[in-house]
Amino acid sequence: MIDISKSTATPFLKAVLIVILSIFLFDVQGALIKHMGGRYPVEQISFYRNLFGILPNLLLLFFSTEWHRNGRSLGVGLWQLALGRGLLLVLAQLTFYTALVHMELATATTLAFAGPLFVTTLSIPLLGHKVGWVRGSAVVLGFIGVVMVMRPGSDAFSLVALLPVAAAFFYALTSLSSRYFDSTVPTALISIYGSIGAMTAALALLIYKGDPILLDNLRDWLFFIAMGGVGGTAVFLLISAYRMADPSSLSPFEYFGIPFSFMLGWVFFNETPFDSLFPGVVFIVGGGLLVVWRERALAGKGKSRQTQSDAGIISED
């Protein structure tokens, strides 16, 4: 039996392995959703995903030493925004889950990787960030790849292809909205509020549409529990990894999600969407990696300038 505490692996290597595992679990969740989506409405799937996905975040919060040290408060200053993020989250889930039902798993997953491009673009009006020509070019490159995968104007194009791109947009808004919270608020607590908001919205939509399907067999219950547990665990692992190492260094490894989704789609759904993915996927990944590279370069430059300033070499900006 291996003692992890005595492992010679560096913290960064551990973080990389955790990120890759979390991305694989996200794709497993996608495969489960695709399987269940043929029999249950996406609103019901979203409800169970958020219900069973809360548990890993509760565990993360419970084991947070900072949360215990600060009095175990369950309050969030911007609680309206914390719950409101659930509306964005449920919109992202419903659009992505619908795409998974009607598209190849790998194609929907690849288009959803437009998320980092939306984050960069939306950070300009929402956070006041400045985006130079390098990141601007990366965004354009990535969106060219999205268009190539969607193939508008061809016989293969369908409006369903817009759904994972819409999901990427809503996921990007969800991510950026978290920047408005005080840094002392635990990430797990923000996620719990968001899950409660999403669960409530999904349930309201399900009741409004009036088409819930009764779970009358143990197998489907186990599928839903597994779906929520796998997805919640993936979020748990991803947050843990980002706390172990620089997120900009770990982001490129998230693109393992594309080959993982292709493998799962091939094994379980007999899908081999080579023609629809290439060469657009190269542009999407290339644009995303260029954004990551530029973010790292700017972060390194900022640290270097700060070090020189601390040494008295730079007295003013």
Protein backbone atom coordinates (compact mmCIF):
# COMPACT_ATOMS: atom_id res chain seq x y z
CA MET A 1 0.00 0.00 0.00
CA ILE A 2 1.39 3.40 -1.02
CA ASP A 3 1.68 6.14 1.56
CA ILE A 4 0.67 9.28 -0.32
CA SER A 5 2.07 11.52 2.39
CA LYS A 6 5.56 10.12 1.69
CA SER A 7 5.28 10.35 -2.08
CA THR A 8 8.22 11.97 -3.85
CA ALA A 9 5.90 13.65 -6.35
CA THR A 10 6.01 17.43 -6.29
CA PRO A 11 2.90 19.41 -5.31
CA PHE A 12 2.61 20.62 -8.92
CA LEU A 13 2.67 17.07 -10.28
CA LYS A 14 0.02 16.05 -7.76
CA ALA A 15 -2.09 19.03 -8.79
CA VAL A 16 -1.74 18.08 -12.47
CA LEU A 17 -2.83 14.50 -11.78
CA ILE A 18 -5.79 15.76 -9.74
CA VAL A 19 -6.85 18.12 -12.55
CA ILE A 20 -6.67 15.33 -15.13
CA LEU A 21 -8.72 13.07 -12.88
CA SER A 22 -11.31 15.78 -12.30
CA ILE A 23 -11.62 16.45 -16.05
CA PHE A 24 -12.09 12.74 -16.67
CA LEU A 25 -14.86 12.67 -14.04
CA PHE A 26 -16.54 15.66 -15.69
CA ASP A 27 -16.63 13.70 -18.95
CA VAL A 28 -17.96 10.63 -17.14
CA GLN A 29 -20.70 12.86 -15.77
CA GLY A 30 -21.39 14.02 -19.33
CA ALA A 31 -21.71 10.41 -20.49
CA LEU A 32 -24.15 9.65 -17.65
CA ILE A 33 -26.22 12.73 -18.53
CA LYS A 34 -26.28 11.71 -22.18
CA HIS A 35 -27.47 8.24 -21.18
CA MET A 36 -30.19 9.52 -18.85
CA GLY A 37 -31.22 12.38 -21.14
CA GLY A 38 -33.02 10.05 -23.47
CA ARG A 39 -35.57 9.21 -20.76
CA TYR A 40 -35.71 12.17 -18.38
CA PRO A 41 -36.18 15.92 -18.99
CA VAL A 42 -33.02 17.97 -18.64
CA GLU A 43 -34.61 20.06 -15.85
CA GLN A 44 -34.98 16.91 -13.75
CA ILE A 45 -31.40 15.88 -14.53
CA SER A 46 -30.18 19.33 -13.49
CA PHE A 47 -32.13 19.11 -10.23
CA TYR A 48 -30.58 15.78 -9.23
CA ARG A 49 -27.14 16.88 -10.40
CA ASN A 50 -27.21 19.85 -8.03
CA LEU A 51 -28.90 17.94 -5.21
CA PHE A 52 -26.37 15.12 -5.05
CA GLY A 53 -23.50 17.38 -6.09
CA ILE A 54 -23.73 19.47 -2.91
CA LEU A 55 -22.21 16.73 -0.72
CA PRO A 56 -18.58 17.10 -1.93
CA ASN A 57 -18.77 20.86 -1.38
CA LEU A 58 -20.12 20.29 2.12
CA LEU A 59 -17.12 18.04 2.81
CA LEU A 60 -14.74 20.63 1.39
CA LEU A 61 -16.29 23.29 3.61
CA PHE A 62 -16.23 21.06 6.69
CA PHE A 63 -12.53 20.29 6.28
CA SER A 64 -11.60 23.92 5.62
CA THR A 65 -9.42 25.08 8.52
CA GLU A 66 -9.96 28.71 7.54
CA TRP A 67 -13.74 28.29 7.73
CA HIS A 68 -13.46 26.78 11.23
CA ARG A 69 -11.03 29.49 12.28
CA ASN A 70 -13.46 32.22 11.13
CA GLY A 71 -16.34 30.87 13.20
CA ARG A 72 -18.02 28.47 10.73
CA SER A 73 -20.23 31.18 9.31
CA LEU A 74 -22.73 30.11 6.65
CA GLY A 75 -23.51 33.66 5.68
CA VAL A 76 -22.39 35.30 2.46
CA GLY A 77 -22.34 39.09 2.16
CA LEU A 78 -23.73 39.10 -1.36
CA TRP A 79 -26.16 36.26 -0.76
CA GLN A 80 -28.50 37.50 -3.50
CA LEU A 81 -25.68 37.21 -6.02
CA ALA A 82 -24.62 33.87 -4.54
CA LEU A 83 -28.08 32.44 -5.13
CA GLY A 84 -28.46 34.32 -8.41
CA ARG A 85 -25.40 32.53 -9.75
CA GLY A 86 -27.62 29.46 -9.59
CA LEU A 87 -29.78 30.94 -12.37
CA LEU A 88 -26.73 31.27 -14.60
CA LEU A 89 -25.62 27.81 -13.59
CA VAL A 90 -28.96 26.20 -14.42
CA LEU A 91 -29.02 27.96 -17.80
CA ALA A 92 -25.55 26.59 -18.50
CA GLN A 93 -26.60 23.12 -17.40
CA LEU A 94 -29.84 23.03 -19.38
CA THR A 95 -28.19 24.18 -22.61
CA PHE A 96 -25.23 21.83 -22.22
CA TYR A 97 -27.30 18.83 -21.13
CA THR A 98 -29.64 19.33 -24.09
CA ALA A 99 -26.60 19.46 -26.38
CA LEU A 100 -25.28 16.22 -24.89
CA VAL A 101 -28.58 14.48 -25.66
CA HIS A 102 -28.67 15.60 -29.31
CA MET A 103 -24.98 15.79 -30.24
CA GLU A 104 -21.89 13.60 -30.10
CA LEU A 105 -20.31 13.72 -26.65
CA ALA A 106 -16.90 14.88 -27.95
CA THR A 107 -18.38 17.56 -30.24
CA ALA A 108 -20.51 19.09 -27.49
CA THR A 109 -17.57 18.98 -25.06
CA THR A 110 -15.21 20.59 -27.57
CA LEU A 111 -17.59 23.46 -28.31
CA ALA A 112 -18.04 24.03 -24.57
CA PHE A 113 -14.30 24.76 -24.40
CA ALA A 114 -15.17 28.19 -25.77
CA GLY A 115 -15.58 29.04 -22.07
CA PRO A 116 -12.05 30.47 -21.52
CA LEU A 117 -12.52 32.63 -24.62
CA PHE A 118 -15.77 34.03 -23.22
CA VAL A 119 -14.10 34.62 -19.84
CA THR A 120 -11.39 36.70 -21.50
CA THR A 121 -13.91 38.66 -23.58
CA LEU A 122 -16.45 39.26 -20.79
CA SER A 123 -13.76 40.30 -18.31
CA ILE A 124 -13.45 43.58 -20.25
CA PRO A 125 -16.94 44.99 -19.49
CA LEU A 126 -17.55 43.10 -16.23
CA LEU A 127 -14.18 43.42 -14.48
CA GLY A 128 -12.60 46.31 -16.35
CA HIS A 129 -9.70 44.20 -17.60
CA LYS A 130 -7.62 45.30 -20.56
CA VAL A 131 -7.05 42.73 -23.28
CA GLY A 132 -4.11 43.34 -25.59
CA TRP A 133 -3.57 42.14 -29.14
CA VAL A 134 -2.16 38.76 -28.06
CA ARG A 135 -5.18 37.69 -26.03
CA GLY A 136 -7.49 39.41 -28.52
CA SER A 137 -5.95 37.35 -31.31
CA ALA A 138 -6.28 34.22 -29.18
CA VAL A 139 -9.99 34.86 -28.71
CA VAL A 140 -10.48 35.38 -32.46
CA LEU A 141 -8.48 32.21 -33.19
CA GLY A 142 -10.56 30.20 -30.74
CA PHE A 143 -13.87 31.44 -32.09
CA ILE A 144 -12.76 30.63 -35.64
CA GLY A 145 -12.30 27.08 -34.37
CA VAL A 146 -15.78 27.11 -32.83
CA VAL A 147 -17.29 28.20 -36.15
CA MET A 148 -15.34 25.47 -37.98
CA VAL A 149 -16.69 22.80 -35.63
CA MET A 150 -20.23 24.14 -35.91
CA ARG A 151 -19.93 24.30 -39.74
CA PRO A 152 -22.66 26.89 -40.39
CA GLY A 153 -23.99 26.88 -43.94
CA SER A 154 -23.29 23.18 -44.44
CA ASP A 155 -25.81 20.36 -44.48
CA ALA A 156 -24.30 19.12 -41.22
CA PHE A 157 -25.11 22.37 -39.37
CA SER A 158 -27.87 22.35 -36.77
CA LEU A 159 -29.09 25.00 -34.36
CA VAL A 160 -28.39 22.46 -31.62
CA ALA A 161 -24.69 23.23 -32.18
CA LEU A 162 -25.32 26.66 -30.64
CA LEU A 163 -26.29 25.10 -27.30
CA PRO A 164 -22.82 24.12 -25.99
CA VAL A 165 -21.53 27.55 -27.04
CA ALA A 166 -24.38 29.15 -25.09
CA ALA A 167 -23.49 26.88 -22.16
CA ALA A 168 -19.88 28.09 -22.35
CA PHE A 169 -21.17 31.68 -22.24
CA PHE A 170 -23.28 31.05 -19.13
CA TYR A 171 -20.50 29.07 -17.42
CA ALA A 172 -18.15 32.00 -18.11
CA LEU A 173 -20.61 34.43 -16.49
CA THR A 174 -20.88 32.09 -13.51
CA SER A 175 -17.11 32.00 -13.12
CA LEU A 176 -16.66 35.76 -13.45
CA SER A 177 -19.45 36.50 -10.96
CA SER A 178 -17.46 34.70 -8.27
CA ARG A 179 -14.87 37.49 -8.46
CA TYR A 180 -17.32 39.87 -6.78
CA PHE A 181 -17.22 37.96 -3.49
CA ASP A 182 -14.85 38.79 -0.68
CA SER A 183 -11.74 36.61 -0.68
CA THR A 184 -12.54 35.47 2.87
CA VAL A 185 -15.70 33.67 1.69
CA PRO A 186 -14.88 29.97 1.13
CA THR A 187 -15.19 28.80 -2.45
CA ALA A 188 -17.14 25.75 -1.29
CA LEU A 189 -19.74 27.99 0.39
CA ILE A 190 -20.18 30.00 -2.81
CA SER A 191 -20.62 26.74 -4.72
CA ILE A 192 -23.21 25.50 -2.21
CA TYR A 193 -25.26 28.68 -2.59
CA GLY A 194 -25.03 28.37 -6.36
CA SER A 195 -26.12 24.74 -6.27
CA ILE A 196 -29.12 25.60 -4.08
CA GLY A 197 -30.10 28.38 -6.47
CA ALA A 198 -29.70 26.11 -9.50
CA MET A 199 -31.58 23.26 -7.82
CA THR A 200 -34.48 25.58 -6.94
CA ALA A 201 -34.62 27.04 -10.47
CA ALA A 202 -34.49 23.59 -12.08
CA LEU A 203 -37.29 22.33 -9.81
CA ALA A 204 -39.44 25.39 -10.59
CA LEU A 205 -38.98 24.86 -14.33
CA LEU A 206 -39.75 21.18 -13.97
CA ILE A 207 -42.99 21.89 -12.09
CA TYR A 208 -43.93 24.65 -14.55
CA LYS A 209 -43.48 22.36 -17.54
CA GLY A 210 -45.33 19.60 -15.71
CA ASP A 211 -43.34 16.71 -17.11
CA PRO A 212 -41.38 15.14 -14.21
CA ILE A 213 -40.89 11.41 -14.53
CA LEU A 214 -41.21 9.27 -11.42
CA LEU A 215 -38.08 7.35 -10.50
CA ASP A 216 -39.52 3.93 -9.86
CA ASN A 217 -36.44 1.73 -10.12
CA LEU A 218 -33.21 1.44 -8.17
CA ARG A 219 -31.00 1.52 -11.27
CA ASP A 220 -32.05 5.04 -12.26
CA TRP A 221 -31.65 6.25 -8.68
CA LEU A 222 -28.10 4.89 -8.72
CA PHE A 223 -27.42 6.58 -12.06
CA PHE A 224 -28.56 9.96 -10.72
CA ILE A 225 -26.64 9.55 -7.46
CA ALA A 226 -23.54 8.59 -9.45
CA MET A 227 -24.03 11.56 -11.80
CA GLY A 228 -24.27 14.06 -8.93
CA GLY A 229 -21.52 12.40 -6.94
CA VAL A 230 -19.13 12.22 -9.88
CA GLY A 231 -19.82 15.82 -10.91
CA GLY A 232 -19.57 17.13 -7.36
CA THR A 233 -16.35 15.19 -6.78
CA ALA A 234 -14.91 16.61 -10.00
CA VAL A 235 -15.61 20.15 -8.76
CA PHE A 236 -14.10 19.24 -5.37
CA LEU A 237 -10.91 17.92 -7.00
CA LEU A 238 -10.59 20.86 -9.37
CA ILE A 239 -10.86 23.38 -6.53
CA SER A 240 -8.33 21.37 -4.50
CA ALA A 241 -5.87 21.31 -7.40
CA TYR A 242 -6.19 25.05 -8.00
CA ARG A 243 -5.32 25.60 -4.36
CA MET A 244 -2.18 23.48 -4.70
CA ALA A 245 -0.67 25.19 -7.75
CA ASP A 246 -0.98 28.21 -10.01
CA PRO A 247 -4.29 27.93 -11.94
CA SER A 248 -2.73 29.35 -15.11
CA SER A 249 -0.21 26.50 -15.06
CA LEU A 250 -2.94 23.90 -14.61
CA SER A 251 -5.46 25.24 -17.14
CA PRO A 252 -3.83 23.61 -20.21
CA PHE A 253 -4.39 20.17 -18.70
CA GLU A 254 -8.15 20.74 -18.79
CA TYR A 255 -7.97 20.12 -22.54
CA PHE A 256 -7.54 16.44 -21.72
CA GLY A 257 -11.34 16.62 -21.57
CA ILE A 258 -11.49 16.52 -25.37
CA PRO A 259 -9.75 13.13 -25.90
CA PHE A 260 -11.49 11.75 -22.79
CA SER A 261 -14.91 12.70 -24.18
CA PHE A 262 -13.98 11.24 -27.56
CA MET A 263 -12.96 7.97 -25.90
CA LEU A 264 -16.14 7.75 -23.81
CA GLY A 265 -18.31 8.63 -26.79
CA TRP A 266 -16.64 5.95 -28.88
CA VAL A 267 -16.84 3.23 -26.22
CA PHE A 268 -20.39 3.82 -24.94
CA PHE A 269 -22.21 5.52 -27.83
CA ASN A 270 -20.26 4.35 -30.90
CA GLU A 271 -19.44 7.94 -31.85
CA THR A 272 -16.39 8.88 -33.95
CA PRO A 273 -16.86 12.54 -34.96
CA PHE A 274 -13.46 13.03 -36.61
CA ASP A 275 -14.84 15.06 -39.51
CA SER A 276 -16.77 17.51 -37.34
CA LEU A 277 -13.95 18.08 -34.84
CA PHE A 278 -10.96 18.69 -37.10
CA PRO A 279 -9.41 21.10 -37.78
CA GLY A 280 -11.60 23.35 -35.63
CA VAL A 281 -10.56 21.69 -32.39
CA VAL A 282 -6.94 22.69 -33.07
CA PHE A 283 -7.95 26.36 -33.29
CA ILE A 284 -10.05 26.14 -30.10
CA VAL A 285 -7.26 24.52 -28.09
CA GLY A 286 -4.65 26.80 -29.65
CA GLY A 287 -6.62 29.92 -28.77
CA GLY A 288 -7.19 28.72 -25.22
CA LEU A 289 -3.53 27.85 -24.70
CA LEU A 290 -2.47 31.22 -26.09
CA VAL A 291 -4.71 32.95 -23.54
CA VAL A 292 -3.17 30.82 -20.76
CA TRP A 293 0.37 31.56 -21.97
CA ARG A 294 -0.29 35.30 -22.06
CA GLU A 295 -1.88 35.27 -18.60
CA ARG A 296 1.20 33.50 -17.22
CA ALA A 297 3.54 35.92 -18.97
CA LEU A 298 1.70 38.94 -17.56
CA ALA A 299 1.59 37.37 -14.09
CA GLY A 300 5.32 36.69 -14.21
CA LYS A 301 6.03 40.21 -15.39
CA GLY A 302 3.94 41.61 -12.55
CA LYS A 303 5.82 39.52 -9.99
CA SER A 304 9.16 40.56 -11.47
CA ARG A 305 8.24 44.24 -11.32
CA GLN A 306 7.02 43.83 -7.75
CA THR A 307 10.28 42.13 -6.75
CA GLN A 308 12.32 44.92 -8.28
CA SER A 309 10.11 47.50 -6.60
CA ASP A 310 10.58 45.80 -3.24
CA ALA A 311 14.35 45.92 -3.81
CA GLY A 312 14.22 49.65 -4.46
CA ILE A 313 15.05 49.36 -8.16
CA ILE A 314 11.66 50.66 -9.28
CA SER A 315 10.31 53.58 -7.30
CA GLU A 316 7.22 54.34 -9.33
CA ASP A 317 5.03 52.68 -11.93
